[in-house]
Structures are given as structure tokens and as C-alpha cells.
Amino acid sequence: MNRNSGIGLASLGIVLVVVGAILKFALTVHSRGFNVHKVGDILLVVGVLLAIFSLAIVVRGTRSRTTA
């Protein structure tokens, strides 16, 4: 993967964190069989992990490699 794909994954991670936070903290919905707050928790965790993974890709992509 190159640096640009890492930046795209970082933005997806940020979007997932924002949507997860909205589902977790801003909604007051009660439903049977589907827990919106648990979905928010899952999206928050996946978004944070994706952001960390993408940071590793960006850092690894900035290394310059030269061959002689």
C-alpha cells in the first residue's frame, strides 16, 4: 500500500468514529432486538483501530528507499 491509501483509510476511520459517537452518545432510542448503542460501540472501536492502522501505513510510506 502506498501513502495515499493510508490517508484514505484514515479518513474512513475518522468517519466511523464520528458516526459511532453519534450512535453511542447522541441518540436516545429504545428498540427490541437491535441495540443502537452497541452498534455505536463497535463503530467507535473499528474506527479507532482503522485510524491507527492507517497511521502506520502513512509512516511506512514516507520512508524513502534507494537502490544502487
PDB file of N, CA and C in Angstrom:
ATOM      1  N   MET A   1       0.831  -1.182   0.000  1.00  0.00           N
ATOM      2  CA  MET A   1       0.000   0.000   0.000  1.00  0.00           C
ATOM      3  C   MET A   1       0.872   1.239   0.000  1.00  0.00           C
ATOM      4  N   ASN A   2       0.367   2.261  -0.626  1.00  0.00           N
ATOM      5  CA  ASN A   2       1.132   3.497  -0.646  1.00  0.00           C
ATOM      6  C   ASN A   2       0.559   4.492   0.346  1.00  0.00           C
ATOM      7  N   ARG A   3       1.155   5.670   0.373  1.00  0.00           N
ATOM      8  CA  ARG A   3       0.780   6.684   1.353  1.00  0.00           C
ATOM      9  C   ARG A   3      -0.639   7.188   1.140  1.00  0.00           C
ATOM     10  N   ASN A   4      -1.088   7.307  -0.106  1.00  0.00           N
ATOM     11  CA  ASN A   4      -2.425   7.822  -0.376  1.00  0.00           C
ATOM     12  C   ASN A   4      -3.509   6.891   0.132  1.00  0.00           C
ATOM     13  N   SER A   5      -3.300   5.591   0.040  1.00  0.00           N
ATOM     14  CA  SER A   5      -4.301   4.674   0.566  1.00  0.00           C
ATOM     15  C   SER A   5      -4.364   4.754   2.094  1.00  0.00           C
ATOM     16  N   GLY A   6      -3.259   5.057   2.738  1.00  0.00           N
ATOM     17  CA  GLY A   6      -3.263   5.245   4.193  1.00  0.00           C
ATOM     18  C   GLY A   6      -4.063   6.460   4.600  1.00  0.00           C
ATOM     19  N   ILE A   7      -3.974   7.519   3.816  1.00  0.00           N
ATOM     20  CA  ILE A   7      -4.742   8.731   4.117  1.00  0.00           C
ATOM     21  C   ILE A   7      -6.229   8.477   3.901  1.00  0.00           C
ATOM     22  N   GLY A   8      -6.576   7.710   2.878  1.00  0.00           N
ATOM     23  CA  GLY A   8      -7.976   7.362   2.648  1.00  0.00           C
ATOM     24  C   GLY A   8      -8.535   6.508   3.761  1.00  0.00           C
ATOM     25  N   LEU A   9      -7.741   5.562   4.259  1.00  0.00           N
ATOM     26  CA  LEU A   9      -8.180   4.740   5.380  1.00  0.00           C
ATOM     27  C   LEU A   9      -8.320   5.568   6.651  1.00  0.00           C
ATOM     28  N   ALA A  10      -7.455   6.561   6.824  1.00  0.00           N
ATOM     29  CA  ALA A  10      -7.559   7.430   7.998  1.00  0.00           C
ATOM     30  C   ALA A  10      -8.851   8.219   7.971  1.00  0.00           C
ATOM     31  N   SER A  11      -9.221   8.732   6.789  1.00  0.00           N
ATOM     32  CA  SER A  11     -10.484   9.476   6.723  1.00  0.00           C
ATOM     33  C   SER A  11     -11.678   8.565   6.959  1.00  0.00           C
ATOM     34  N   LEU A  12     -11.628   7.334   6.477  1.00  0.00           N
ATOM     35  CA  LEU A  12     -12.707   6.385   6.751  1.00  0.00           C
ATOM     36  C   LEU A  12     -12.782   6.085   8.248  1.00  0.00           C
ATOM     37  N   GLY A  13     -11.636   5.950   8.891  1.00  0.00           N
ATOM     38  CA  GLY A  13     -11.614   5.725  10.333  1.00  0.00           C
ATOM     39  C   GLY A  13     -12.219   6.878  11.107  1.00  0.00           C
ATOM     40  N   ILE A  14     -11.925   8.104  10.676  1.00  0.00           N
ATOM     41  CA  ILE A  14     -12.493   9.281  11.341  1.00  0.00           C
ATOM     42  C   ILE A  14     -14.000   9.323  11.161  1.00  0.00           C
ATOM     43  N   VAL A  15     -14.476   8.999   9.966  1.00  0.00           N
ATOM     44  CA  VAL A  15     -15.917   8.978   9.716  1.00  0.00           C
ATOM     45  C   VAL A  15     -16.593   7.923  10.590  1.00  0.00           C
ATOM     46  N   LEU A  16     -15.983   6.749  10.698  1.00  0.00           N
ATOM     47  CA  LEU A  16     -16.558   5.698  11.538  1.00  0.00           C
ATOM     48  C   LEU A  16     -16.593   6.105  13.007  1.00  0.00           C
ATOM     49  N   VAL A  17     -15.567   6.797  13.469  1.00  0.00           N
ATOM     50  CA  VAL A  17     -15.551   7.261  14.855  1.00  0.00           C
ATOM     51  C   VAL A  17     -16.652   8.280  15.087  1.00  0.00           C
ATOM     52  N   VAL A  18     -16.846   9.196  14.149  1.00  0.00           N
ATOM     53  CA  VAL A  18     -17.891  10.217  14.307  1.00  0.00           C
ATOM     54  C   VAL A  18     -19.276   9.583  14.309  1.00  0.00           C
ATOM     55  N   VAL A  19     -19.533   8.683  13.370  1.00  0.00           N
ATOM     56  CA  VAL A  19     -20.840   8.021  13.311  1.00  0.00           C
ATOM     57  C   VAL A  19     -21.058   7.165  14.564  1.00  0.00           C
ATOM     58  N   GLY A  20     -20.025   6.471  15.004  1.00  0.00           N
ATOM     59  CA  GLY A  20     -20.133   5.661  16.215  1.00  0.00           C
ATOM     60  C   GLY A  20     -20.407   6.503  17.451  1.00  0.00           C
ATOM     61  N   ALA A  21     -19.764   7.666  17.541  1.00  0.00           N
ATOM     62  CA  ALA A  21     -20.001   8.549  18.682  1.00  0.00           C
ATOM     63  C   ALA A  21     -21.425   9.098  18.673  1.00  0.00           C
ATOM     64  N   ILE A  22     -21.936   9.410  17.487  1.00  0.00           N
ATOM     65  CA  ILE A  22     -23.317   9.884  17.394  1.00  0.00           C
ATOM     66  C   ILE A  22     -24.284   8.792  17.828  1.00  0.00           C
ATOM     67  N   LEU A  23     -24.061   7.572  17.355  1.00  0.00           N
ATOM     68  CA  LEU A  23     -24.940   6.471  17.735  1.00  0.00           C
ATOM     69  C   LEU A  23     -24.831   6.139  19.222  1.00  0.00           C
ATOM     70  N   LYS A  24     -23.655   6.286  19.782  1.00  0.00           N
ATOM     71  CA  LYS A  24     -23.442   5.923  21.178  1.00  0.00           C
ATOM     72  C   LYS A  24     -23.951   6.995  22.141  1.00  0.00           C
ATOM     73  N   PHE A  25     -23.640   8.257  21.881  1.00  0.00           N
ATOM     74  CA  PHE A  25     -23.877   9.294  22.869  1.00  0.00           C
ATOM     75  C   PHE A  25     -25.053  10.223  22.564  1.00  0.00           C
ATOM     76  N   ALA A  26     -25.399  10.407  21.302  1.00  0.00           N
ATOM     77  CA  ALA A  26     -26.391  11.424  20.958  1.00  0.00           C
ATOM     78  C   ALA A  26     -27.807  10.882  20.786  1.00  0.00           C
ATOM     79  N   LEU A  27     -27.956   9.598  20.587  1.00  0.00           N
ATOM     80  CA  LEU A  27     -29.292   9.045  20.362  1.00  0.00           C
ATOM     81  C   LEU A  27     -29.866   8.472  21.650  1.00  0.00           C
ATOM     82  N   THR A  28     -31.160   8.669  21.805  1.00  0.00           N
ATOM     83  CA  THR A  28     -31.872   8.065  22.926  1.00  0.00           C
ATOM     84  C   THR A  28     -33.019   7.239  22.365  1.00  0.00           C
ATOM     85  N   VAL A  29     -32.667   6.101  21.785  1.00  0.00           N
ATOM     86  CA  VAL A  29     -33.642   5.223  21.137  1.00  0.00           C
ATOM     87  C   VAL A  29     -33.695   3.913  21.911  1.00  0.00           C
ATOM     88  N   HIS A  30     -34.894   3.426  22.113  1.00  0.00           N
ATOM     89  CA  HIS A  30     -35.081   2.128  22.750  1.00  0.00           C
ATOM     90  C   HIS A  30     -35.812   1.227  21.776  1.00  0.00           C
ATOM     91  N   SER A  31     -35.191   0.119  21.421  1.00  0.00           N
ATOM     92  CA  SER A  31     -35.825  -0.817  20.495  1.00  0.00           C
ATOM     93  C   SER A  31     -35.548  -2.238  20.964  1.00  0.00           C
ATOM     94  N   ARG A  32     -36.391  -3.143  20.531  1.00  0.00           N
ATOM     95  CA  ARG A  32     -36.218  -4.545  20.883  1.00  0.00           C
ATOM     96  C   ARG A  32     -35.437  -5.266  19.795  1.00  0.00           C
ATOM     97  N   GLY A  33     -34.463  -6.053  20.190  1.00  0.00           N
ATOM     98  CA  GLY A  33     -33.724  -6.875  19.248  1.00  0.00           C
ATOM     99  C   GLY A  33     -32.569  -6.177  18.548  1.00  0.00           C
ATOM    100  N   PHE A  34     -32.498  -4.859  18.616  1.00  0.00           N
ATOM    101  CA  PHE A  34     -31.415  -4.124  17.944  1.00  0.00           C
ATOM    102  C   PHE A  34     -30.971  -3.005  18.860  1.00  0.00           C
ATOM    103  N   ASN A  35     -29.756  -3.086  19.337  1.00  0.00           N
ATOM    104  CA  ASN A  35     -29.239  -2.095  20.268  1.00  0.00           C
ATOM    105  C   ASN A  35     -28.357  -1.102  19.511  1.00  0.00           C
ATOM    106  N   VAL A  36     -28.848   0.115  19.355  1.00  0.00           N
ATOM    107  CA  VAL A  36     -28.131   1.146  18.608  1.00  0.00           C
ATOM    108  C   VAL A  36     -26.843   1.533  19.318  1.00  0.00           C
ATOM    109  N   HIS A  37     -26.844   1.518  20.633  1.00  0.00           N
ATOM    110  CA  HIS A  37     -25.650   1.908  21.383  1.00  0.00           C
ATOM    111  C   HIS A  37     -24.517   0.885  21.212  1.00  0.00           C
ATOM    112  N   LYS A  38     -24.850  -0.388  21.086  1.00  0.00           N
ATOM    113  CA  LYS A  38     -23.818  -1.399  20.829  1.00  0.00           C
ATOM    114  C   LYS A  38     -23.215  -1.229  19.440  1.00  0.00           C
ATOM    115  N   VAL A  39     -24.044  -0.873  18.468  1.00  0.00           N
ATOM    116  CA  VAL A  39     -23.529  -0.597  17.119  1.00  0.00           C
ATOM    117  C   VAL A  39     -22.580   0.592  17.177  1.00  0.00           C
ATOM    118  N   GLY A  40     -22.922   1.606  17.971  1.00  0.00           N
ATOM    119  CA  GLY A  40     -22.039   2.752  18.153  1.00  0.00           C
ATOM    120  C   GLY A  40     -20.712   2.363  18.768  1.00  0.00           C
ATOM    121  N   ASP A  41     -20.762   1.470  19.762  1.00  0.00           N
ATOM    122  CA  ASP A  41     -19.518   0.975  20.371  1.00  0.00           C
ATOM    123  C   ASP A  41     -18.636   0.276  19.348  1.00  0.00           C
ATOM    124  N   ILE A  42     -19.252  -0.577  18.544  1.00  0.00           N
ATOM    125  CA  ILE A  42     -18.498  -1.332  17.537  1.00  0.00           C
ATOM    126  C   ILE A  42     -17.879  -0.389  16.511  1.00  0.00           C
ATOM    127  N   LEU A  43     -18.644   0.593  16.050  1.00  0.00           N
ATOM    128  CA  LEU A  43     -18.109   1.537  15.068  1.00  0.00           C
ATOM    129  C   LEU A  43     -16.986   2.384  15.658  1.00  0.00           C
ATOM    130  N   LEU A  44     -17.101   2.749  16.926  1.00  0.00           N
ATOM    131  CA  LEU A  44     -16.028   3.500  17.574  1.00  0.00           C
ATOM    132  C   LEU A  44     -14.736   2.689  17.622  1.00  0.00           C
ATOM    133  N   VAL A  45     -14.832   1.433  18.019  1.00  0.00           N
ATOM    134  CA  VAL A  45     -13.634   0.590  18.129  1.00  0.00           C
ATOM    135  C   VAL A  45     -13.015   0.349  16.752  1.00  0.00           C
ATOM    136  N   VAL A  46     -13.850   0.021  15.773  1.00  0.00           N
ATOM    137  CA  VAL A  46     -13.334  -0.229  14.419  1.00  0.00           C
ATOM    138  C   VAL A  46     -12.706   1.037  13.844  1.00  0.00           C
ATOM    139  N   GLY A  47     -13.328   2.188  14.082  1.00  0.00           N
ATOM    140  CA  GLY A  47     -12.778   3.445  13.578  1.00  0.00           C
ATOM    141  C   GLY A  47     -11.436   3.783  14.184  1.00  0.00           C
ATOM    142  N   VAL A  48     -11.297   3.579  15.480  1.00  0.00           N
ATOM    143  CA  VAL A  48     -10.011   3.853  16.143  1.00  0.00           C
ATOM    144  C   VAL A  48      -8.928   2.901  15.644  1.00  0.00           C
ATOM    145  N   LEU A  49      -9.260   1.621  15.527  1.00  0.00           N
ATOM    146  CA  LEU A  49      -8.276   0.653  15.026  1.00  0.00           C
ATOM    147  C   LEU A  49      -7.869   0.968  13.585  1.00  0.00           C
ATOM    148  N   LEU A  50      -8.832   1.359  12.768  1.00  0.00           N
ATOM    149  CA  LEU A  50      -8.534   1.703  11.382  1.00  0.00           C
ATOM    150  C   LEU A  50      -7.665   2.953  11.295  1.00  0.00           C
ATOM    151  N   ALA A  51      -7.916   3.920  12.154  1.00  0.00           N
ATOM    152  CA  ALA A  51      -7.091   5.131  12.162  1.00  0.00           C
ATOM    153  C   ALA A  51      -5.653   4.820  12.574  1.00  0.00           C
ATOM    154  N   ILE A  52      -5.480   3.957  13.561  1.00  0.00           N
ATOM    155  CA  ILE A  52      -4.130   3.570  13.988  1.00  0.00           C
ATOM    156  C   ILE A  52      -3.427   2.797  12.884  1.00  0.00           C
ATOM    157  N   PHE A  53      -4.133   1.871  12.248  1.00  0.00           N
ATOM    158  CA  PHE A  53      -3.561   1.088  11.153  1.00  0.00           C
ATOM    159  C   PHE A  53      -3.152   1.999   9.993  1.00  0.00           C
ATOM    160  N   SER A  54      -3.975   2.971   9.675  1.00  0.00           N
ATOM    161  CA  SER A  54      -3.665   3.862   8.560  1.00  0.00           C
ATOM    162  C   SER A  54      -2.485   4.777   8.884  1.00  0.00           C
ATOM    163  N   LEU A  55      -2.349   5.161  10.144  1.00  0.00           N
ATOM    164  CA  LEU A  55      -1.177   5.948  10.532  1.00  0.00           C
ATOM    165  C   LEU A  55       0.102   5.151  10.309  1.00  0.00           C
ATOM    166  N   ALA A  56       0.058   3.859  10.601  1.00  0.00           N
ATOM    167  CA  ALA A  56       1.226   3.015  10.356  1.00  0.00           C
ATOM    168  C   ALA A  56       1.540   2.940   8.867  1.00  0.00           C
ATOM    169  N   ILE A  57       0.522   2.899   8.028  1.00  0.00           N
ATOM    170  CA  ILE A  57       0.741   2.869   6.580  1.00  0.00           C
ATOM    171  C   ILE A  57       1.347   4.177   6.096  1.00  0.00           C
ATOM    172  N   VAL A  58       0.840   5.293   6.610  1.00  0.00           N
ATOM    173  CA  VAL A  58       1.365   6.599   6.198  1.00  0.00           C
ATOM    174  C   VAL A  58       2.820   6.745   6.624  1.00  0.00           C
ATOM    175  N   VAL A  59       3.139   6.347   7.850  1.00  0.00           N
ATOM    176  CA  VAL A  59       4.517   6.464   8.331  1.00  0.00           C
ATOM    177  C   VAL A  59       5.435   5.555   7.533  1.00  0.00           C
ATOM    178  N   ARG A  60       4.978   4.351   7.243  1.00  0.00           N
ATOM    179  CA  ARG A  60       5.808   3.427   6.479  1.00  0.00           C
ATOM    180  C   ARG A  60       5.981   3.907   5.032  1.00  0.00           C
ATOM    181  N   GLY A  61       4.967   4.576   4.491  1.00  0.00           N
ATOM    182  CA  GLY A  61       5.048   5.071   3.126  1.00  0.00           C
ATOM    183  C   GLY A  61       5.947   6.275   2.954  1.00  0.00           C
ATOM    184  N   THR A  62       6.277   6.970   4.062  1.00  0.00           N
ATOM    185  CA  THR A  62       7.135   8.146   3.951  1.00  0.00           C
ATOM    186  C   THR A  62       8.611   7.797   3.886  1.00  0.00           C
ATOM    187  N   ARG A  63       8.955   6.568   4.207  1.00  0.00           N
ATOM    188  CA  ARG A  63      10.358   6.169   4.120  1.00  0.00           C
ATOM    189  C   ARG A  63      10.791   6.147   2.662  1.00  0.00           C
ATOM    190  N   SER A  64      11.914   6.712   2.401  1.00  0.00           N
ATOM    191  CA  SER A  64      12.415   6.691   1.025  1.00  0.00           C
ATOM    192  C   SER A  64      13.379   5.511   0.877  1.00  0.00           C
ATOM    193  N   ARG A  65      13.234   4.830  -0.226  1.00  0.00           N
ATOM    194  CA  ARG A  65      14.091   3.677  -0.491  1.00  0.00           C
ATOM    195  C   ARG A  65      14.916   3.984  -1.738  1.00  0.00           C
ATOM    196  N   THR A  66      16.200   3.765  -1.614  1.00  0.00           N
ATOM    197  CA  THR A  66      17.068   3.967  -2.766  1.00  0.00           C
ATOM    198  C   THR A  66      17.833   2.683  -3.038  1.00  0.00           C
ATOM    199  N   THR A  67      17.964   2.378  -4.297  1.00  0.00           N
ATOM    200  CA  THR A  67      18.742   1.209  -4.697  1.00  0.00           C
ATOM    201  C   THR A  67      19.850   1.651  -5.630  1.00  0.00           C
ATOM    202  N   ALA A  68      20.963   0.997  -5.521  1.00  0.00           N
ATOM    203  CA  ALA A  68      22.094   1.381  -6.373  1.00  0.00           C
ATOM    204  C   ALA A  68      22.294   0.355  -7.461  1.00  0.00           C
TER     205      ALA A  68
END
